[in-house]
Amino acid sequence: MNLVVSHWSANAAVLAVGLAVAAAHLAGLLGLRSDARRGGAALPAGLAREAIAFYSGLLLAVLALVSPLGYWAGTFIWVRVLQDIVLGVYVPPLIVLGAPWLVLWRGLGRDARPRATAASTEASTGASTGATAPVPPRLRSWPVAVTALFVVVWCGWYLPVLYDAGVHHPVVLAAQAVTTMAAGVLLWLQIIGSRPFSPRFGPLYRVMLLAAIVLFSTILGMVLGFDARVLYPAYLGVGSHHVLTVVSDQQGGGAELWVLVLEPYVIAGVALLVRWLNEEESQALSLGLDRMLRPPKHAWPTRTGQR
């Protein structure tokens, strides 16, 4: 119980950033409400649900850094892995589902809507009509590049030289937290979209991106889980660790990478597959109706002048 109730951190930087973002978002909500009253228009549908998702992600990120989870991450590998999973896997989808971009833009005192790219506009149009918007050739590799960036950031921080540096240098831990969350947000923007931005590719393509991430995360978990060597020697001199417990510690972290990473990706993958099957079924039904309504053609040609 002492592990939970003690070692809470009043990190001024984390608390200041969290409060500033929350205040800007709240100001944006109030501004949008005021704009809707003046213009006689209704607020966007689902705005309250999006706000709950965004504040949940923001609160989860702050807790991961100021709670005992942040303190014991410098002592136990499995706790640090758990912190990485929270910041890189669970916080980003909540933020993306919260769609805070227009609200934050309004909260910063900007009345105009931020200019979206042509690809985003086309994707939004395609999403509203149920069709897949055409993707410019120069943007076709963008989701793949974002996925590769997330894999590099996610796995790169587990290199021994970087992981050990985080034990003695809080700046390194802060850089890991920021880059992991940023890469995760970019990734989930490609997977589920976030108003006013929509993914550029269809559901099945996004499922393949999720499968690639799960594959690399599983490989990383296998490295930590099955290697009998001490991969992170900096933890040998921390707390009461000795060689055997450090190996067991990193193996526990590898098990977490196997199990705890899967849930958000599996949920998103199942939802995307259901959507893809519904689209395929709708397309097949549409083609079937077209065949039924199409005038039938005669099997035998008629002779010219025959009555």
C-alpha atoms as a PDB file:
ATOM      1  CA  MET A   1       0.000   0.000   0.000  1.00  0.00           C
ATOM      2  CA  ASN A   2       2.943   2.310   0.688  1.00  0.00           C
ATOM      3  CA  LEU A   3       3.874   2.049  -3.003  1.00  0.00           C
ATOM      4  CA  VAL A   4       0.539   3.626  -3.934  1.00  0.00           C
ATOM      5  CA  VAL A   5      -0.041   6.317  -1.327  1.00  0.00           C
ATOM      6  CA  SER A   6       3.517   7.638  -1.105  1.00  0.00           C
ATOM      7  CA  HIS A   7       5.976   9.277  -3.495  1.00  0.00           C
ATOM      8  CA  TRP A   8       3.514  11.541  -5.260  1.00  0.00           C
ATOM      9  CA  SER A   9       5.381  14.272  -7.093  1.00  0.00           C
ATOM     10  CA  ALA A  10       4.403  17.927  -7.333  1.00  0.00           C
ATOM     11  CA  ASN A  11       6.255  18.318 -10.629  1.00  0.00           C
ATOM     12  CA  ALA A  12       5.775  21.993 -11.435  1.00  0.00           C
ATOM     13  CA  ALA A  13       6.415  21.627 -15.165  1.00  0.00           C
ATOM     14  CA  VAL A  14       3.961  18.747 -15.621  1.00  0.00           C
ATOM     15  CA  LEU A  15       1.253  20.383 -13.544  1.00  0.00           C
ATOM     16  CA  ALA A  16       1.718  23.743 -15.273  1.00  0.00           C
ATOM     17  CA  VAL A  17       1.474  22.237 -18.761  1.00  0.00           C
ATOM     18  CA  GLY A  18      -1.542  20.120 -17.807  1.00  0.00           C
ATOM     19  CA  LEU A  19      -3.386  23.051 -16.254  1.00  0.00           C
ATOM     20  CA  ALA A  20      -2.542  25.332 -19.187  1.00  0.00           C
ATOM     21  CA  VAL A  21      -3.867  22.834 -21.746  1.00  0.00           C
ATOM     22  CA  ALA A  22      -6.997  22.176 -19.679  1.00  0.00           C
ATOM     23  CA  ALA A  23      -7.623  25.931 -19.276  1.00  0.00           C
ATOM     24  CA  ALA A  24      -7.202  26.555 -23.012  1.00  0.00           C
ATOM     25  CA  HIS A  25      -9.594  23.704 -23.819  1.00  0.00           C
ATOM     26  CA  LEU A  26     -12.180  24.950 -21.328  1.00  0.00           C
ATOM     27  CA  ALA A  27     -11.887  28.476 -22.744  1.00  0.00           C
ATOM     28  CA  GLY A  28     -12.404  27.023 -26.212  1.00  0.00           C
ATOM     29  CA  LEU A  29     -15.535  25.182 -25.119  1.00  0.00           C
ATOM     30  CA  LEU A  30     -16.958  28.369 -23.631  1.00  0.00           C
ATOM     31  CA  GLY A  31     -16.004  30.301 -26.745  1.00  0.00           C
ATOM     32  CA  LEU A  32     -17.714  27.811 -29.044  1.00  0.00           C
ATOM     33  CA  ARG A  33     -20.804  27.917 -26.860  1.00  0.00           C
ATOM     34  CA  SER A  34     -20.833  31.705 -27.037  1.00  0.00           C
ATOM     35  CA  ASP A  35     -20.362  31.633 -30.816  1.00  0.00           C
ATOM     36  CA  ALA A  36     -23.241  29.177 -31.166  1.00  0.00           C
ATOM     37  CA  ARG A  37     -25.554  31.404 -29.123  1.00  0.00           C
ATOM     38  CA  ARG A  38     -24.677  34.500 -31.116  1.00  0.00           C
ATOM     39  CA  GLY A  39     -25.087  32.735 -34.431  1.00  0.00           C
ATOM     40  CA  GLY A  40     -28.177  30.777 -33.451  1.00  0.00           C
ATOM     41  CA  ALA A  41     -26.500  27.512 -34.413  1.00  0.00           C
ATOM     42  CA  ALA A  42     -26.156  24.278 -32.507  1.00  0.00           C
ATOM     43  CA  LEU A  43     -22.916  23.042 -31.032  1.00  0.00           C
ATOM     44  CA  PRO A  44     -21.179  20.195 -32.883  1.00  0.00           C
ATOM     45  CA  ALA A  45     -22.670  16.810 -32.114  1.00  0.00           C
ATOM     46  CA  GLY A  46     -20.740  14.743 -29.614  1.00  0.00           C
ATOM     47  CA  LEU A  47     -18.796  17.705 -28.216  1.00  0.00           C
ATOM     48  CA  ALA A  48     -19.450  16.677 -24.590  1.00  0.00           C
ATOM     49  CA  ARG A  49     -18.348  13.102 -25.287  1.00  0.00           C
ATOM     50  CA  GLU A  50     -15.201  14.364 -26.973  1.00  0.00           C
ATOM     51  CA  ALA A  51     -14.421  16.650 -24.042  1.00  0.00           C
ATOM     52  CA  ILE A  52     -14.712  13.723 -21.604  1.00  0.00           C
ATOM     53  CA  ALA A  53     -12.331  11.630 -23.706  1.00  0.00           C
ATOM     54  CA  PHE A  54      -9.811  14.473 -23.978  1.00  0.00           C
ATOM     55  CA  TYR A  55      -9.825  15.303 -20.268  1.00  0.00           C
ATOM     56  CA  SER A  56      -9.503  11.591 -19.456  1.00  0.00           C
ATOM     57  CA  GLY A  57      -6.410  11.331 -21.644  1.00  0.00           C
ATOM     58  CA  LEU A  58      -4.924  14.511 -20.212  1.00  0.00           C
ATOM     59  CA  LEU A  59      -5.545  13.375 -16.627  1.00  0.00           C
ATOM     60  CA  LEU A  60      -4.088   9.932 -17.355  1.00  0.00           C
ATOM     61  CA  ALA A  61      -0.933  11.520 -18.787  1.00  0.00           C
ATOM     62  CA  VAL A  62      -0.478  13.762 -15.742  1.00  0.00           C
ATOM     63  CA  LEU A  63      -1.051  10.862 -13.338  1.00  0.00           C
ATOM     64  CA  ALA A  64       1.500   8.723 -15.172  1.00  0.00           C
ATOM     65  CA  LEU A  65       4.126  11.399 -14.492  1.00  0.00           C
ATOM     66  CA  VAL A  66       3.300  12.726 -11.006  1.00  0.00           C
ATOM     67  CA  SER A  67       1.912   9.589  -9.342  1.00  0.00           C
ATOM     68  CA  PRO A  68       4.102   6.887  -7.720  1.00  0.00           C
ATOM     69  CA  LEU A  69       4.232   5.381 -11.210  1.00  0.00           C
ATOM     70  CA  GLY A  70       6.573   8.194 -12.208  1.00  0.00           C
ATOM     71  CA  TYR A  71       8.673   7.845  -9.053  1.00  0.00           C
ATOM     72  CA  TRP A  72       9.181   4.074  -9.166  1.00  0.00           C
ATOM     73  CA  ALA A  73       9.912   4.161 -12.917  1.00  0.00           C
ATOM     74  CA  GLY A  74      13.457   5.111 -11.962  1.00  0.00           C
ATOM     75  CA  THR A  75      13.775   2.057  -9.726  1.00  0.00           C
ATOM     76  CA  PHE A  76      11.946  -0.816 -11.428  1.00  0.00           C
ATOM     77  CA  ILE A  77      11.966  -1.651 -15.122  1.00  0.00           C
ATOM     78  CA  TRP A  78       8.467  -3.104 -15.096  1.00  0.00           C
ATOM     79  CA  VAL A  79       7.084   0.137 -13.627  1.00  0.00           C
ATOM     80  CA  ARG A  80       8.853   2.184 -16.276  1.00  0.00           C
ATOM     81  CA  VAL A  81       7.483  -0.091 -19.013  1.00  0.00           C
ATOM     82  CA  LEU A  82       4.007   0.351 -17.542  1.00  0.00           C
ATOM     83  CA  GLN A  83       4.480   4.123 -17.620  1.00  0.00           C
ATOM     84  CA  ASP A  84       5.598   3.938 -21.262  1.00  0.00           C
ATOM     85  CA  ILE A  85       2.522   1.885 -22.158  1.00  0.00           C
ATOM     86  CA  VAL A  86       0.195   4.368 -20.480  1.00  0.00           C
ATOM     87  CA  LEU A  87       1.808   7.365 -22.215  1.00  0.00           C
ATOM     88  CA  GLY A  88       2.336   5.782 -25.622  1.00  0.00           C
ATOM     89  CA  VAL A  89      -0.596   3.396 -26.023  1.00  0.00           C
ATOM     90  CA  TYR A  90      -3.497   4.509 -23.803  1.00  0.00           C
ATOM     91  CA  VAL A  91      -3.203   8.311 -23.638  1.00  0.00           C
ATOM     92  CA  PRO A  92      -2.931   9.057 -27.418  1.00  0.00           C
ATOM     93  CA  PRO A  93      -6.211   7.371 -28.508  1.00  0.00           C
ATOM     94  CA  LEU A  94      -8.109   9.202 -25.767  1.00  0.00           C
ATOM     95  CA  ILE A  95      -6.666  12.525 -26.914  1.00  0.00           C
ATOM     96  CA  VAL A  96      -7.447  11.765 -30.568  1.00  0.00           C
ATOM     97  CA  LEU A  97     -10.983  10.648 -29.700  1.00  0.00           C
ATOM     98  CA  GLY A  98     -11.340  13.930 -27.807  1.00  0.00           C
ATOM     99  CA  ALA A  99     -10.773  15.902 -31.031  1.00  0.00           C
ATOM    100  CA  PRO A 100      -9.410  18.936 -29.157  1.00  0.00           C
ATOM    101  CA  TRP A 101      -7.916  20.747 -32.157  1.00  0.00           C
ATOM    102  CA  LEU A 102     -10.717  23.180 -33.012  1.00  0.00           C
ATOM    103  CA  VAL A 103     -11.552  23.706 -29.351  1.00  0.00           C
ATOM    104  CA  LEU A 104      -7.946  24.515 -28.431  1.00  0.00           C
ATOM    105  CA  TRP A 105      -7.702  26.756 -31.490  1.00  0.00           C
ATOM    106  CA  ARG A 106     -10.733  28.676 -30.278  1.00  0.00           C
ATOM    107  CA  GLY A 107      -9.392  28.726 -26.738  1.00  0.00           C
ATOM    108  CA  LEU A 108      -6.228  30.436 -27.936  1.00  0.00           C
ATOM    109  CA  GLY A 109      -8.332  33.338 -29.155  1.00  0.00           C
ATOM    110  CA  ARG A 110      -8.524  32.320 -32.803  1.00  0.00           C
ATOM    111  CA  ASP A 111     -11.943  32.904 -34.287  1.00  0.00           C
ATOM    112  CA  ALA A 112     -11.199  31.389 -37.665  1.00  0.00           C
ATOM    113  CA  ARG A 113     -11.064  27.678 -38.242  1.00  0.00           C
ATOM    114  CA  PRO A 114      -7.511  26.422 -38.873  1.00  0.00           C
ATOM    115  CA  ARG A 115      -6.896  25.767 -42.520  1.00  0.00           C
ATOM    116  CA  ALA A 116      -6.983  22.064 -43.308  1.00  0.00           C
ATOM    117  CA  THR A 117      -5.028  20.470 -46.067  1.00  0.00           C
ATOM    118  CA  ALA A 118      -6.644  19.400 -49.307  1.00  0.00           C
ATOM    119  CA  ALA A 119      -6.136  15.769 -48.368  1.00  0.00           C
ATOM    120  CA  SER A 120      -7.968  16.280 -45.082  1.00  0.00           C
ATOM    121  CA  THR A 121     -10.826  18.042 -46.849  1.00  0.00           C
ATOM    122  CA  GLU A 122     -11.122  15.256 -49.408  1.00  0.00           C
ATOM    123  CA  ALA A 123     -11.008  12.624 -46.690  1.00  0.00           C
ATOM    124  CA  SER A 124     -13.704  14.405 -44.697  1.00  0.00           C
ATOM    125  CA  THR A 125     -15.893  14.627 -47.787  1.00  0.00           C
ATOM    126  CA  GLY A 126     -15.347  10.957 -48.499  1.00  0.00           C
ATOM    127  CA  ALA A 127     -16.194  10.036 -44.920  1.00  0.00           C
ATOM    128  CA  SER A 128     -19.440  11.998 -45.025  1.00  0.00           C
ATOM    129  CA  THR A 129     -20.552  10.405 -48.268  1.00  0.00           C
ATOM    130  CA  GLY A 130     -19.410   6.904 -47.364  1.00  0.00           C
ATOM    131  CA  ALA A 131     -16.852   6.801 -50.169  1.00  0.00           C
ATOM    132  CA  THR A 132     -13.080   6.634 -50.001  1.00  0.00           C
ATOM    133  CA  ALA A 133     -11.513   9.901 -51.043  1.00  0.00           C
ATOM    134  CA  PRO A 134      -8.736   9.788 -53.651  1.00  0.00           C
ATOM    135  CA  VAL A 135      -5.284  10.145 -52.169  1.00  0.00           C
ATOM    136  CA  PRO A 136      -2.609  12.183 -53.989  1.00  0.00           C
ATOM    137  CA  PRO A 137       0.421  10.073 -54.924  1.00  0.00           C
ATOM    138  CA  ARG A 138       2.773  12.190 -52.823  1.00  0.00           C
ATOM    139  CA  LEU A 139       0.681  11.451 -49.705  1.00  0.00           C
ATOM    140  CA  ARG A 140       0.223   7.720 -50.202  1.00  0.00           C
ATOM    141  CA  SER A 141       3.209   6.856 -47.993  1.00  0.00           C
ATOM    142  CA  TRP A 142       2.266   9.262 -45.167  1.00  0.00           C
ATOM    143  CA  PRO A 143       0.464   6.713 -42.919  1.00  0.00           C
ATOM    144  CA  VAL A 144       3.308   4.244 -43.450  1.00  0.00           C
ATOM    145  CA  ALA A 145       5.851   6.926 -42.534  1.00  0.00           C
ATOM    146  CA  VAL A 146       3.920   7.827 -39.377  1.00  0.00           C
ATOM    147  CA  THR A 147       3.692   4.158 -38.398  1.00  0.00           C
ATOM    148  CA  ALA A 148       7.422   3.725 -38.988  1.00  0.00           C
ATOM    149  CA  LEU A 149       8.104   6.844 -36.913  1.00  0.00           C
ATOM    150  CA  PHE A 150       6.077   5.464 -34.011  1.00  0.00           C
ATOM    151  CA  VAL A 151       7.888   2.109 -34.200  1.00  0.00           C
ATOM    152  CA  VAL A 152      11.284   3.846 -34.216  1.00  0.00           C
ATOM    153  CA  VAL A 153      10.367   6.070 -31.261  1.00  0.00           C
ATOM    154  CA  TRP A 154       8.655   3.269 -29.325  1.00  0.00           C
ATOM    155  CA  CYS A 155      11.424   0.694 -29.788  1.00  0.00           C
ATOM    156  CA  GLY A 156      14.323   3.149 -29.960  1.00  0.00           C
ATOM    157  CA  TRP A 157      13.898   4.278 -26.368  1.00  0.00           C
ATOM    158  CA  TYR A 158      14.502   0.687 -25.255  1.00  0.00           C
ATOM    159  CA  LEU A 159      18.065   0.742 -26.539  1.00  0.00           C
ATOM    160  CA  PRO A 160      20.265   0.170 -23.468  1.00  0.00           C
ATOM    161  CA  VAL A 161      22.207   3.414 -23.861  1.00  0.00           C
ATOM    162  CA  LEU A 162      19.019   5.514 -23.914  1.00  0.00           C
ATOM    163  CA  TYR A 163      17.142   3.471 -21.339  1.00  0.00           C
ATOM    164  CA  ASP A 164      20.032   3.603 -18.869  1.00  0.00           C
ATOM    165  CA  ALA A 165      20.410   7.350 -19.412  1.00  0.00           C
ATOM    166  CA  GLY A 166      16.859   7.839 -18.192  1.00  0.00           C
ATOM    167  CA  VAL A 167      17.769   6.407 -14.789  1.00  0.00           C
ATOM    168  CA  HIS A 168      20.200   9.207 -13.981  1.00  0.00           C
ATOM    169  CA  HIS A 169      18.911  12.070 -16.130  1.00  0.00           C
ATOM    170  CA  PRO A 170      15.283  13.246 -15.680  1.00  0.00           C
ATOM    171  CA  VAL A 171      15.560  15.232 -18.905  1.00  0.00           C
ATOM    172  CA  VAL A 172      15.904  11.979 -20.829  1.00  0.00           C
ATOM    173  CA  LEU A 173      12.774  10.603 -19.163  1.00  0.00           C
ATOM    174  CA  ALA A 174      10.910  13.798 -20.056  1.00  0.00           C
ATOM    175  CA  ALA A 175      12.053  13.544 -23.676  1.00  0.00           C
ATOM    176  CA  GLN A 176      10.903   9.920 -23.796  1.00  0.00           C
ATOM    177  CA  ALA A 177       7.470  10.817 -22.438  1.00  0.00           C
ATOM    178  CA  VAL A 178       6.963  13.751 -24.830  1.00  0.00           C
ATOM    179  CA  THR A 179       8.183  12.006 -27.980  1.00  0.00           C
ATOM    180  CA  THR A 180       6.256   8.812 -27.196  1.00  0.00           C
ATOM    181  CA  MET A 181       2.984  10.681 -26.679  1.00  0.00           C
ATOM    182  CA  ALA A 182       3.518  12.855 -29.765  1.00  0.00           C
ATOM    183  CA  ALA A 183       4.287   9.852 -31.985  1.00  0.00           C
ATOM    184  CA  GLY A 184       1.261   8.048 -30.543  1.00  0.00           C
ATOM    185  CA  VAL A 185      -1.068  10.954 -31.314  1.00  0.00           C
ATOM    186  CA  LEU A 186       0.219  11.133 -34.904  1.00  0.00           C
ATOM    187  CA  LEU A 187      -0.317   7.392 -35.250  1.00  0.00           C
ATOM    188  CA  TRP A 188      -3.891   7.379 -33.949  1.00  0.00           C
ATOM    189  CA  LEU A 189      -4.761  10.304 -36.220  1.00  0.00           C
ATOM    190  CA  GLN A 190      -4.038   7.903 -39.088  1.00  0.00           C
ATOM    191  CA  ILE A 191      -5.976   5.045 -37.464  1.00  0.00           C
ATOM    192  CA  ILE A 192      -9.252   6.534 -36.209  1.00  0.00           C
ATOM    193  CA  GLY A 193      -9.166  10.191 -37.233  1.00  0.00           C
ATOM    194  CA  SER A 194     -10.093  13.195 -35.161  1.00  0.00           C
ATOM    195  CA  ARG A 195     -12.501  15.966 -36.132  1.00  0.00           C
ATOM    196  CA  PRO A 196     -11.913  17.815 -38.481  1.00  0.00           C
ATOM    197  CA  PHE A 197      -9.251  15.414 -39.796  1.00  0.00           C
ATOM    198  CA  SER A 198     -10.079  11.989 -41.226  1.00  0.00           C
ATOM    199  CA  PRO A 199      -7.811   9.050 -42.114  1.00  0.00           C
ATOM    200  CA  ARG A 200      -6.687   8.984 -45.720  1.00  0.00           C
ATOM    201  CA  PHE A 201      -7.114   5.241 -46.256  1.00  0.00           C
ATOM    202  CA  GLY A 202      -9.754   2.584 -45.824  1.00  0.00           C
ATOM    203  CA  PRO A 203     -10.347   0.404 -42.761  1.00  0.00           C
ATOM    204  CA  LEU A 204      -8.513  -2.697 -44.014  1.00  0.00           C
ATOM    205  CA  TYR A 205      -5.368  -0.710 -44.756  1.00  0.00           C
ATOM    206  CA  ARG A 206      -5.404   0.722 -41.239  1.00  0.00           C
ATOM    207  CA  VAL A 207      -5.811  -2.767 -39.758  1.00  0.00           C
ATOM    208  CA  MET A 208      -2.564  -3.742 -41.472  1.00  0.00           C
ATOM    209  CA  LEU A 209      -0.821  -0.756 -39.873  1.00  0.00           C
ATOM    210  CA  LEU A 210      -2.077  -1.887 -36.462  1.00  0.00           C
ATOM    211  CA  ALA A 211      -0.851  -5.420 -37.148  1.00  0.00           C
ATOM    212  CA  ALA A 212       2.624  -4.085 -37.930  1.00  0.00           C
ATOM    213  CA  ILE A 213       2.740  -2.175 -34.632  1.00  0.00           C
ATOM    214  CA  VAL A 214       1.608  -5.230 -32.654  1.00  0.00           C
ATOM    215  CA  LEU A 215       4.282  -7.308 -34.385  1.00  0.00           C
ATOM    216  CA  PHE A 216       7.135  -4.953 -33.458  1.00  0.00           C
ATOM    217  CA  SER A 217       5.846  -4.558 -29.911  1.00  0.00           C
ATOM    218  CA  THR A 218       5.675  -8.348 -29.558  1.00  0.00           C
ATOM    219  CA  ILE A 219       9.255  -8.686 -30.788  1.00  0.00           C
ATOM    220  CA  LEU A 220      10.347  -6.064 -28.257  1.00  0.00           C
ATOM    221  CA  GLY A 221       8.503  -7.924 -25.507  1.00  0.00           C
ATOM    222  CA  MET A 222      10.213 -11.173 -26.536  1.00  0.00           C
ATOM    223  CA  VAL A 223      13.638  -9.517 -26.326  1.00  0.00           C
ATOM    224  CA  LEU A 224      12.971  -8.303 -22.791  1.00  0.00           C
ATOM    225  CA  GLY A 225      11.114 -11.422 -21.722  1.00  0.00           C
ATOM    226  CA  PHE A 226      13.458 -14.168 -22.923  1.00  0.00           C
ATOM    227  CA  ASP A 227      16.900 -12.606 -22.653  1.00  0.00           C
ATOM    228  CA  ALA A 228      18.629 -13.915 -19.537  1.00  0.00           C
ATOM    229  CA  ARG A 229      21.226 -11.125 -19.575  1.00  0.00           C
ATOM    230  CA  VAL A 230      20.986  -7.790 -17.816  1.00  0.00           C
ATOM    231  CA  LEU A 231      20.044  -5.468 -20.671  1.00  0.00           C
ATOM    232  CA  TYR A 232      19.967  -2.327 -18.534  1.00  0.00           C
ATOM    233  CA  PRO A 233      22.924  -2.377 -16.122  1.00  0.00           C
ATOM    234  CA  ALA A 234      22.047   1.075 -14.739  1.00  0.00           C
ATOM    235  CA  TYR A 235      19.297  -0.616 -12.705  1.00  0.00           C
ATOM    236  CA  LEU A 236      21.871  -2.773 -10.922  1.00  0.00           C
ATOM    237  CA  GLY A 237      22.850   0.089  -8.673  1.00  0.00           C
ATOM    238  CA  VAL A 238      19.303   1.331  -8.007  1.00  0.00           C
ATOM    239  CA  GLY A 239      17.492   0.366  -4.817  1.00  0.00           C
ATOM    240  CA  SER A 240      17.856  -3.265  -3.744  1.00  0.00           C
ATOM    241  CA  HIS A 241      18.395  -4.684  -7.232  1.00  0.00           C
ATOM    242  CA  HIS A 242      20.945  -7.395  -7.881  1.00  0.00           C
ATOM    243  CA  VAL A 243      21.555  -9.409 -11.058  1.00  0.00           C
ATOM    244  CA  LEU A 244      18.738 -11.944 -10.656  1.00  0.00           C
ATOM    245  CA  THR A 245      16.074  -9.416  -9.711  1.00  0.00           C
ATOM    246  CA  VAL A 246      17.035  -7.082 -12.562  1.00  0.00           C
ATOM    247  CA  VAL A 247      16.606  -9.947 -15.032  1.00  0.00           C
ATOM    248  CA  SER A 248      13.244 -10.827 -13.488  1.00  0.00           C
ATOM    249  CA  ASP A 249      12.349  -7.146 -13.534  1.00  0.00           C
ATOM    250  CA  GLN A 250      12.999  -6.737 -17.258  1.00  0.00           C
ATOM    251  CA  GLN A 251      11.217 -10.023 -17.983  1.00  0.00           C
ATOM    252  CA  GLY A 252       8.169  -8.637 -16.206  1.00  0.00           C
ATOM    253  CA  GLY A 253       8.394  -5.566 -18.427  1.00  0.00           C
ATOM    254  CA  GLY A 254       8.532  -7.811 -21.490  1.00  0.00           C
ATOM    255  CA  ALA A 255       5.362  -9.593 -20.348  1.00  0.00           C
ATOM    256  CA  GLU A 256       3.642  -6.208 -20.048  1.00  0.00           C
ATOM    257  CA  LEU A 257       4.645  -5.361 -23.615  1.00  0.00           C
ATOM    258  CA  TRP A 258       2.972  -8.585 -24.706  1.00  0.00           C
ATOM    259  CA  VAL A 259      -0.268  -8.251 -22.810  1.00  0.00           C
ATOM    260  CA  LEU A 260      -1.071  -4.624 -21.999  1.00  0.00           C
ATOM    261  CA  VAL A 261      -0.221  -3.203 -25.410  1.00  0.00           C
ATOM    262  CA  LEU A 262      -2.711  -5.392 -27.241  1.00  0.00           C
ATOM    263  CA  GLU A 263      -6.016  -4.111 -25.838  1.00  0.00           C
ATOM    264  CA  PRO A 264      -6.329  -0.707 -27.599  1.00  0.00           C
ATOM    265  CA  TYR A 265      -5.002  -2.065 -30.887  1.00  0.00           C
ATOM    266  CA  VAL A 266      -7.273  -5.114 -30.824  1.00  0.00           C
ATOM    267  CA  ILE A 267     -10.331  -2.985 -30.048  1.00  0.00           C
ATOM    268  CA  ALA A 268      -9.484  -0.565 -32.865  1.00  0.00           C
ATOM    269  CA  GLY A 269      -8.715  -3.425 -35.256  1.00  0.00           C
ATOM    270  CA  VAL A 270     -12.018  -5.201 -34.579  1.00  0.00           C
ATOM    271  CA  ALA A 271     -13.949  -1.944 -35.029  1.00  0.00           C
ATOM    272  CA  LEU A 272     -12.172  -1.262 -38.331  1.00  0.00           C
ATOM    273  CA  LEU A 273     -12.827  -4.815 -39.572  1.00  0.00           C
ATOM    274  CA  VAL A 274     -16.528  -4.512 -38.731  1.00  0.00           C
ATOM    275  CA  ARG A 275     -16.663  -1.224 -40.604  1.00  0.00           C
ATOM    276  CA  TRP A 276     -14.875  -2.757 -43.588  1.00  0.00           C
ATOM    277  CA  LEU A 277     -17.286  -5.708 -43.669  1.00  0.00           C
ATOM    278  CA  ASN A 278     -20.267  -3.347 -43.486  1.00  0.00           C
ATOM    279  CA  GLU A 279     -18.882  -1.322 -46.387  1.00  0.00           C
ATOM    280  CA  GLU A 280     -18.281  -4.469 -48.427  1.00  0.00           C
ATOM    281  CA  GLU A 281     -21.804  -5.690 -47.669  1.00  0.00           C
ATOM    282  CA  SER A 282     -23.297  -2.336 -48.641  1.00  0.00           C
ATOM    283  CA  GLN A 283     -21.314  -2.331 -51.872  1.00  0.00           C
ATOM    284  CA  ALA A 284     -22.419  -5.882 -52.727  1.00  0.00           C
ATOM    285  CA  LEU A 285     -26.048  -4.990 -51.978  1.00  0.00           C
ATOM    286  CA  SER A 286     -25.790  -1.908 -54.154  1.00  0.00           C
ATOM    287  CA  LEU A 287     -24.371  -3.930 -57.055  1.00  0.00           C
ATOM    288  CA  GLY A 288     -27.134  -6.496 -56.628  1.00  0.00           C
ATOM    289  CA  LEU A 289     -29.835  -3.824 -56.784  1.00  0.00           C
ATOM    290  CA  ASP A 290     -28.221  -2.338 -59.870  1.00  0.00           C
ATOM    291  CA  ARG A 291     -28.408  -5.719 -61.619  1.00  0.00           C
ATOM    292  CA  MET A 292     -32.058  -6.141 -60.623  1.00  0.00           C
ATOM    293  CA  LEU A 293     -33.065  -2.701 -61.856  1.00  0.00           C
ATOM    294  CA  ARG A 294     -31.058  -2.865 -65.065  1.00  0.00           C
ATOM    295  CA  PRO A 295     -33.210  -3.643 -68.126  1.00  0.00           C
ATOM    296  CA  PRO A 296     -32.601  -7.235 -69.285  1.00  0.00           C
ATOM    297  CA  LYS A 297     -30.931  -7.819 -72.638  1.00  0.00           C
ATOM    298  CA  HIS A 298     -32.375 -10.238 -75.194  1.00  0.00           C
ATOM    299  CA  ALA A 299     -30.369 -13.395 -75.612  1.00  0.00           C
ATOM    300  CA  TRP A 300     -31.106 -13.599 -79.395  1.00  0.00           C
ATOM    301  CA  PRO A 301     -30.653 -10.636 -81.672  1.00  0.00           C
ATOM    302  CA  THR A 302     -33.678  -9.600 -83.675  1.00  0.00           C
ATOM    303  CA  ARG A 303     -33.547  -9.460 -87.469  1.00  0.00           C
ATOM    304  CA  THR A 304     -33.661  -6.121 -89.164  1.00  0.00           C
ATOM    305  CA  GLY A 305     -37.139  -5.325 -90.394  1.00  0.00           C
ATOM    306  CA  GLN A 306     -38.761  -8.183 -88.472  1.00  0.00           C
ATOM    307  CA  ARG A 307     -42.055  -7.316 -86.845  1.00  0.00           C
END
